[in-house]
Every structure is written in structure tokens, then in C-alpha cells.
Amino acid sequence: MRATKTTRKASSLALGALLLLGLVGCGDDDGAAPLDDAGRPDVDAGPAPDAGPAVDPQTLAYLRADLADELVLEVDAAEGAGPTEAVLADFMSSLGAIVDKPGGIRVVESDVLPPRGEAPWTLDELRTLGVERFDGAGPATLQLLYVDGRFRVDGVLGVALSRRSLVVFRETVQAVCEGRGGLLGADAACRVAEGTVLLHETGHVLGLVNAGLPMQSDHEDPEHPGHDVDPNCVMYWAYESGDGVGGALDVLGGGSEPEPLQFCEASLADLATAAGR
């Protein structure tokens, strides 16, 4: 794949395993079924080599060049709650390693969402919002909903809503990282925290772990379905809530860059096989 195209500055995702102790909140129904009756792009994918019948056509559209030349990230955000340029650049860099898109990855900043107020979000409300606001600029469009307010379950940072949509609660993310990070600094700590939320929930959108993508090796945690057994993988179950992230952020930095953490080899193998590579 050639380099992705974007108007945003390129950067790398720096994230140490210490930061990730209880970082990402999946909320309910991580591997939620696609909303076929709600305007999901109709992708006539056909079978991918060795992918098996369980692979969702929307997942294949994200991964394969023959089904979609480019990947579109549709950002629908409340006023002041959207992702920063640095977070999006990190996220696009991570996606570039797993998708085959000769046309690159494009960001479309779409709707400005109305303010939520004090009432917490329910899963049904978020799914309805995603359906109502989804524009779908192409068959491989991933909707990033950035809402204000919080989820009904305290500490949840993000939720995979369907095969085309995820949500990030940026205020909740910032609440656990601002004022922390040691020598890394609060801005950098929030950047890597938010980037990890995006990558983890995208994994669920794509069908990881064993939630739509057939496993090439047994790496699902039997006690935590939909998550990886490897604590060094971004899909590990412990990265489900904000509990404990404050203390981890306090000791980050120390004059050295944290090591990047992406999808582990087992997840990459699942994605590559589904894509026919």
C-alpha cells in the first residue's frame, strides 16, 4: 500500500504498555451486528480467499483494495469535542498498516452534533444517532462519533456501535489523563489515550477478536470473549475502562518515548487472511 493521503501532519502512535492498564472502555455489545436496515453501504464483496463465510462484507470493504480504493473516516462531533489533528494522524498511520487502499485514507468532517446536556447516553441512543448522522462518502466509510457527555456506564471511553460506526467519549478520556502523564505531559498522555480508544474500538468494528473475523490461531481470552489473551495486544480485555489509567499515566515519560502498541501478530494474521493477503 502506498502512503495514505491527508491534510493533517503525520505522526506516530507512542504508547507504552504501562499506560494501557485499564485504558479502553468498550461498553456493551462490542461486536455489535451491522445495521443492515439502517443505510449501511451495500458492498457486494463475494468470498475473500480463505476468509470463510463469516467475514462481514463491510469488514472486507475496509480491508481490500478491490472493493474500495480509499478508506473514508467520517467525523461527526459535538462542538469542541472532536479529535485533534495529532490523534487523527496517529490513527491513520495505524490504519495504514492494516488496510489496502491505493487511494489512501481521507478524513471528512461532517456533522456538528447538538449538545447532550447532563443525561448519560444509552447504547440505543448512540446507535440511533449514528444512523441519523451517517453520510457514507464511499463503501468503506468508518464513522467516528465524538459526543459530549458520558456513557450510562461510568468510566467507559468508547464503544463499537456497528460494523460502520464507533463512538468516543472525549470528555471521559480527558478526565482520566489531564494533569497526568509524568514527563510525557498531559497533552501527550491524552493523545495516546484517545488514540488507543480509537484503535481498540476499530478492532471490534472489524470483527476482532473472534467476533466476525475467523481466528488463524487461538488467541481469544475464554474468560473475556472478544478480547485477546495477550496483555501486550491493544485488544486485551483489561483495556476496557478508565480505572487505573491515572496512576499509569503518572509514571509515563521519564525522558524516553513509550514503545508503540498496535494490533498483535495474531490479530494482524486474522486481518490479513480476511483481506486475502
Protein backbone atom coordinates (compact mmCIF):
# COMPACT_ATOMS: atom_id res chain seq x y z
CA MET A 1 0.00 0.00 0.00
CA ARG A 2 1.26 3.47 -0.79
CA ALA A 3 1.32 6.15 1.85
CA THR A 4 -2.05 7.43 2.98
CA LYS A 5 -3.09 10.89 1.92
CA THR A 6 -4.23 13.50 4.41
CA THR A 7 -4.01 17.22 5.02
CA ARG A 8 -3.02 16.56 8.60
CA LYS A 9 0.53 16.30 9.92
CA ALA A 10 1.95 12.80 10.13
CA SER A 11 2.95 11.43 13.47
CA SER A 12 3.43 8.08 15.16
CA LEU A 13 1.38 6.46 17.89
CA ALA A 14 3.57 6.37 21.01
CA LEU A 15 2.13 4.20 23.69
CA GLY A 16 3.71 2.07 26.39
CA ALA A 17 2.09 -0.95 27.91
CA LEU A 18 2.12 0.79 31.30
CA LEU A 19 -0.35 3.38 30.03
CA LEU A 20 -2.69 0.67 28.91
CA LEU A 21 -3.57 -0.77 32.31
CA GLY A 22 -7.33 -0.42 32.07
CA LEU A 23 -7.45 2.20 29.34
CA VAL A 24 -10.14 1.49 26.77
CA GLY A 25 -13.85 1.20 27.53
CA CYS A 26 -15.83 -0.92 25.11
CA GLY A 27 -19.23 -0.56 26.71
CA ASP A 28 -21.97 -3.01 25.71
CA ASP A 29 -22.07 -5.16 22.59
CA ASP A 30 -18.51 -4.61 21.35
CA GLY A 31 -19.09 -6.88 18.37
CA ALA A 32 -22.48 -5.45 17.51
CA ALA A 33 -24.08 -6.75 14.35
CA PRO A 34 -24.14 -4.45 11.29
CA LEU A 35 -27.20 -2.26 10.92
CA ASP A 36 -28.25 -3.63 7.53
CA ASP A 37 -31.66 -1.96 7.67
CA ALA A 38 -30.25 1.45 8.55
CA GLY A 39 -28.41 2.58 5.46
CA ARG A 40 -25.22 0.54 5.66
CA PRO A 41 -23.33 0.61 2.32
CA ASP A 42 -24.30 -2.35 0.15
CA VAL A 43 -20.99 -4.00 -0.62
CA ASP A 44 -21.22 -6.99 -2.94
CA ALA A 45 -17.96 -8.43 -1.73
CA GLY A 46 -18.13 -12.08 -2.62
CA PRO A 47 -15.90 -14.56 -0.85
CA ALA A 48 -12.39 -13.49 0.01
CA PRO A 49 -9.67 -16.14 -0.43
CA ASP A 50 -9.52 -18.27 2.72
CA ALA A 51 -11.66 -15.76 4.58
CA GLY A 52 -14.63 -18.03 5.15
CA PRO A 53 -18.32 -17.13 5.04
CA ALA A 54 -18.36 -15.46 8.48
CA VAL A 55 -16.50 -12.34 7.35
CA ASP A 56 -18.84 -9.38 7.05
CA PRO A 57 -18.76 -7.64 3.63
CA GLN A 58 -18.34 -4.28 5.32
CA THR A 59 -15.19 -5.53 7.03
CA LEU A 60 -13.88 -6.72 3.68
CA ALA A 61 -14.58 -3.30 2.16
CA TYR A 62 -12.40 -1.71 4.84
CA LEU A 63 -9.54 -4.11 4.23
CA ARG A 64 -9.46 -4.80 0.49
CA ALA A 65 -8.49 -2.57 -2.44
CA ASP A 66 -10.74 -4.31 -4.98
CA LEU A 67 -13.88 -3.37 -3.01
CA ALA A 68 -12.94 0.23 -2.18
CA ASP A 69 -9.97 2.26 -3.40
CA GLU A 70 -9.92 4.51 -0.34
CA LEU A 71 -10.93 4.49 3.30
CA VAL A 72 -13.05 7.42 4.47
CA LEU A 73 -13.15 8.49 8.11
CA GLU A 74 -16.37 10.42 8.70
CA VAL A 75 -16.07 12.57 11.83
CA ASP A 76 -19.37 13.66 13.40
CA ALA A 77 -18.55 15.60 16.56
CA ALA A 78 -20.12 17.83 19.15
CA GLU A 79 -18.79 21.39 19.31
CA GLY A 80 -15.30 21.32 20.82
CA ALA A 81 -15.36 17.55 21.36
CA GLY A 82 -13.78 16.35 18.12
CA PRO A 83 -10.44 14.59 17.69
CA THR A 84 -7.26 16.64 17.40
CA GLU A 85 -5.15 16.62 14.26
CA ALA A 86 -2.43 14.70 16.09
CA VAL A 87 -4.84 11.96 17.21
CA LEU A 88 -6.26 11.57 13.71
CA ALA A 89 -2.78 11.43 12.20
CA ASP A 90 -1.77 8.72 14.67
CA PHE A 91 -4.94 6.77 13.93
CA MET A 92 -4.49 7.00 10.17
CA SER A 93 -0.92 5.78 10.50
CA SER A 94 -2.15 2.76 12.44
CA LEU A 95 -4.88 2.01 9.91
CA GLY A 96 -2.41 2.32 7.04
CA ALA A 97 -0.64 -0.78 8.32
CA ILE A 98 -3.74 -3.00 8.07
CA VAL A 99 -5.80 -1.76 5.10
CA ASP A 100 -5.04 -1.97 1.39
CA LYS A 101 -6.15 1.39 0.00
CA PRO A 102 -4.25 2.67 -3.07
CA GLY A 103 -6.34 5.86 -2.89
CA GLY A 104 -5.30 6.45 0.71
CA ILE A 105 -7.24 7.41 3.82
CA ARG A 106 -9.38 10.53 3.77
CA VAL A 107 -10.94 12.46 6.67
CA VAL A 108 -14.35 14.06 6.15
CA GLU A 109 -15.51 16.36 8.93
CA SER A 110 -19.26 16.06 8.60
CA ASP A 111 -21.96 16.97 11.13
CA VAL A 112 -21.71 19.14 14.23
CA LEU A 113 -23.71 17.24 16.83
CA PRO A 114 -26.09 19.06 19.20
CA PRO A 115 -25.07 19.32 22.86
CA ARG A 116 -26.14 16.42 25.04
CA GLY A 117 -26.50 18.02 28.41
CA GLU A 118 -26.36 16.11 31.69
CA ALA A 119 -28.24 12.94 30.77
CA PRO A 120 -25.92 9.98 30.09
CA TRP A 121 -26.02 8.25 26.72
CA THR A 122 -27.62 4.83 26.26
CA LEU A 123 -26.47 2.36 23.64
CA ASP A 124 -29.74 2.61 21.70
CA GLU A 125 -29.49 6.42 21.60
CA LEU A 126 -25.94 6.26 20.28
CA ARG A 127 -26.85 3.77 17.57
CA THR A 128 -29.81 5.91 16.51
CA LEU A 129 -27.58 8.99 16.39
CA GLY A 130 -25.05 7.14 14.26
CA VAL A 131 -27.67 6.05 11.77
CA GLU A 132 -29.21 9.53 11.53
CA ARG A 133 -25.87 11.29 11.00
CA PHE A 134 -24.12 8.78 8.74
CA ASP A 135 -23.39 10.21 5.28
CA GLY A 136 -21.31 7.41 3.79
CA ALA A 137 -19.00 9.06 1.26
CA GLY A 138 -17.95 5.66 -0.06
CA PRO A 139 -18.37 1.93 0.53
CA ALA A 140 -15.50 1.92 3.03
CA THR A 141 -16.64 4.70 5.36
CA LEU A 142 -15.97 4.43 9.08
CA GLN A 143 -17.99 6.85 11.19
CA LEU A 144 -16.26 8.35 14.23
CA LEU A 145 -18.87 9.81 16.58
CA TYR A 146 -17.39 12.20 19.13
CA VAL A 147 -20.16 13.07 21.56
CA ASP A 148 -20.16 15.34 24.57
CA GLY A 149 -21.33 13.92 27.87
CA ARG A 150 -20.77 10.42 29.16
CA PHE A 151 -22.00 6.86 28.71
CA ARG A 152 -24.53 5.37 31.13
CA VAL A 153 -21.78 3.10 32.48
CA ASP A 154 -19.20 5.18 34.35
CA GLY A 155 -15.64 5.16 33.02
CA VAL A 156 -16.44 3.94 29.51
CA LEU A 157 -14.22 5.73 26.99
CA GLY A 158 -15.51 4.34 23.71
CA VAL A 159 -18.00 1.89 22.19
CA ALA A 160 -18.14 -0.01 18.90
CA LEU A 161 -21.70 0.55 17.67
CA SER A 162 -21.80 -1.48 14.46
CA ARG A 163 -19.63 -2.58 11.54
CA ARG A 164 -19.51 1.00 10.32
CA SER A 165 -19.57 3.18 13.43
CA LEU A 166 -17.88 3.79 16.77
CA VAL A 167 -18.16 6.44 19.46
CA VAL A 168 -15.58 8.17 21.65
CA PHE A 169 -16.45 9.98 24.87
CA ARG A 170 -13.65 12.53 24.72
CA GLU A 171 -14.61 14.29 27.94
CA THR A 172 -14.26 10.99 29.80
CA VAL A 173 -10.91 10.33 28.15
CA GLN A 174 -9.63 13.75 29.14
CA ALA A 175 -10.90 13.35 32.70
CA VAL A 176 -8.54 10.41 33.25
CA CYS A 177 -5.47 11.85 31.55
CA GLU A 178 -5.40 15.63 32.11
CA GLY A 179 -2.87 16.72 34.69
CA ARG A 180 -1.09 13.39 34.43
CA GLY A 181 1.49 11.70 32.27
CA GLY A 182 4.68 12.38 34.23
CA LEU A 183 7.34 13.84 31.96
CA LEU A 184 5.23 12.80 28.98
CA GLY A 185 2.90 15.73 29.72
CA ALA A 186 -0.88 15.93 29.84
CA ASP A 187 -1.37 16.70 26.13
CA ALA A 188 0.73 13.75 25.02
CA ALA A 189 -0.90 11.48 27.60
CA CYS A 190 -4.38 12.37 26.33
CA ARG A 191 -3.21 11.94 22.76
CA VAL A 192 -2.03 8.38 23.27
CA ALA A 193 -5.03 7.53 25.44
CA GLU A 194 -7.52 8.77 22.84
CA GLY A 195 -5.61 7.11 20.03
CA THR A 196 -5.79 3.81 21.86
CA VAL A 197 -9.55 4.14 22.32
CA LEU A 198 -9.93 4.60 18.56
CA LEU A 199 -7.72 1.65 17.66
CA HIS A 200 -9.30 -0.72 20.18
CA GLU A 201 -12.86 0.08 19.11
CA THR A 202 -11.89 -0.14 15.44
CA GLY A 203 -10.65 -3.65 16.16
CA HIS A 204 -14.12 -4.53 17.37
CA VAL A 205 -15.73 -2.87 14.34
CA LEU A 206 -13.56 -5.08 12.12
CA GLY A 207 -14.55 -8.23 13.99
CA LEU A 208 -11.65 -8.77 16.40
CA VAL A 209 -11.28 -10.95 18.42
CA ASN A 210 -13.33 -13.90 17.09
CA ALA A 211 -16.30 -11.54 16.69
CA GLY A 212 -16.71 -11.84 12.92
CA LEU A 213 -13.13 -12.44 11.80
CA PRO A 214 -12.11 -16.12 11.90
CA MET A 215 -9.05 -16.66 14.06
CA GLN A 216 -5.96 -18.12 12.42
CA SER A 217 -4.72 -19.16 15.85
CA ASP A 218 -6.49 -19.43 19.18
CA HIS A 219 -5.89 -16.04 20.79
CA GLU A 220 -9.29 -15.15 22.28
CA ASP A 221 -9.39 -14.92 26.05
CA PRO A 222 -12.00 -17.54 27.10
CA GLU A 223 -12.89 -15.50 30.17
CA HIS A 224 -13.30 -12.26 28.20
CA PRO A 225 -14.88 -13.02 24.79
CA GLY A 226 -13.99 -10.62 22.00
CA HIS A 227 -10.60 -9.79 23.51
CA ASP A 228 -7.06 -11.05 23.11
CA VAL A 229 -5.34 -13.22 25.67
CA ASP A 230 -2.04 -11.34 25.13
CA PRO A 231 -1.60 -8.41 27.57
CA ASN A 232 0.71 -6.74 25.04
CA CYS A 233 -2.08 -6.55 22.44
CA VAL A 234 -4.29 -3.50 22.06
CA MET A 235 -7.29 -5.88 22.05
CA TYR A 236 -6.54 -7.17 25.57
CA TRP A 237 -9.57 -7.24 27.86
CA ALA A 238 -8.07 -5.07 30.61
CA TYR A 239 -8.14 -2.03 28.35
CA GLU A 240 -11.89 -1.67 28.87
CA SER A 241 -12.27 1.17 31.36
CA GLY A 242 -10.60 4.22 32.76
CA ASP A 243 -9.92 2.53 36.11
CA GLY A 244 -6.24 2.64 36.92
CA VAL A 245 -5.17 4.73 33.96
CA GLY A 246 -4.44 7.79 36.12
CA GLY A 247 -1.69 6.08 38.08
CA ALA A 248 -0.22 4.57 34.91
CA LEU A 249 -0.09 7.96 33.22
CA ASP A 250 1.69 9.46 36.23
CA VAL A 251 4.78 7.33 35.62
CA LEU A 252 4.97 7.63 31.84
CA GLY A 253 7.70 9.64 30.20
CA GLY A 254 10.94 9.69 32.13
CA GLY A 255 12.85 11.05 29.16
CA SER A 256 12.13 8.15 26.82
CA GLU A 257 9.38 7.57 24.29
CA PRO A 258 6.92 4.79 25.15
CA GLU A 259 7.02 1.87 22.74
CA PRO A 260 4.27 1.82 20.11
CA LEU A 261 1.50 -0.71 20.75
CA GLN A 262 -0.57 -1.83 17.78
CA PHE A 263 -2.52 -4.94 16.87
CA CYS A 264 -0.53 -8.00 17.88
CA GLU A 265 0.66 -10.64 15.42
CA ALA A 266 -2.35 -12.88 15.97
CA SER A 267 -4.81 -10.08 15.18
CA LEU A 268 -2.75 -9.00 12.17
CA ALA A 269 -2.89 -12.56 10.86
CA ASP A 270 -6.69 -12.59 11.17
CA LEU A 271 -6.95 -9.28 9.30
CA ALA A 272 -4.50 -10.30 6.56
CA THR A 273 -6.27 -13.60 5.91
CA ALA A 274 -9.65 -11.90 5.65
CA ALA A 275 -8.15 -9.45 3.18
CA GLY A 276 -6.79 -12.31 1.07
CA ARG A 277 -3.15 -11.42 1.68
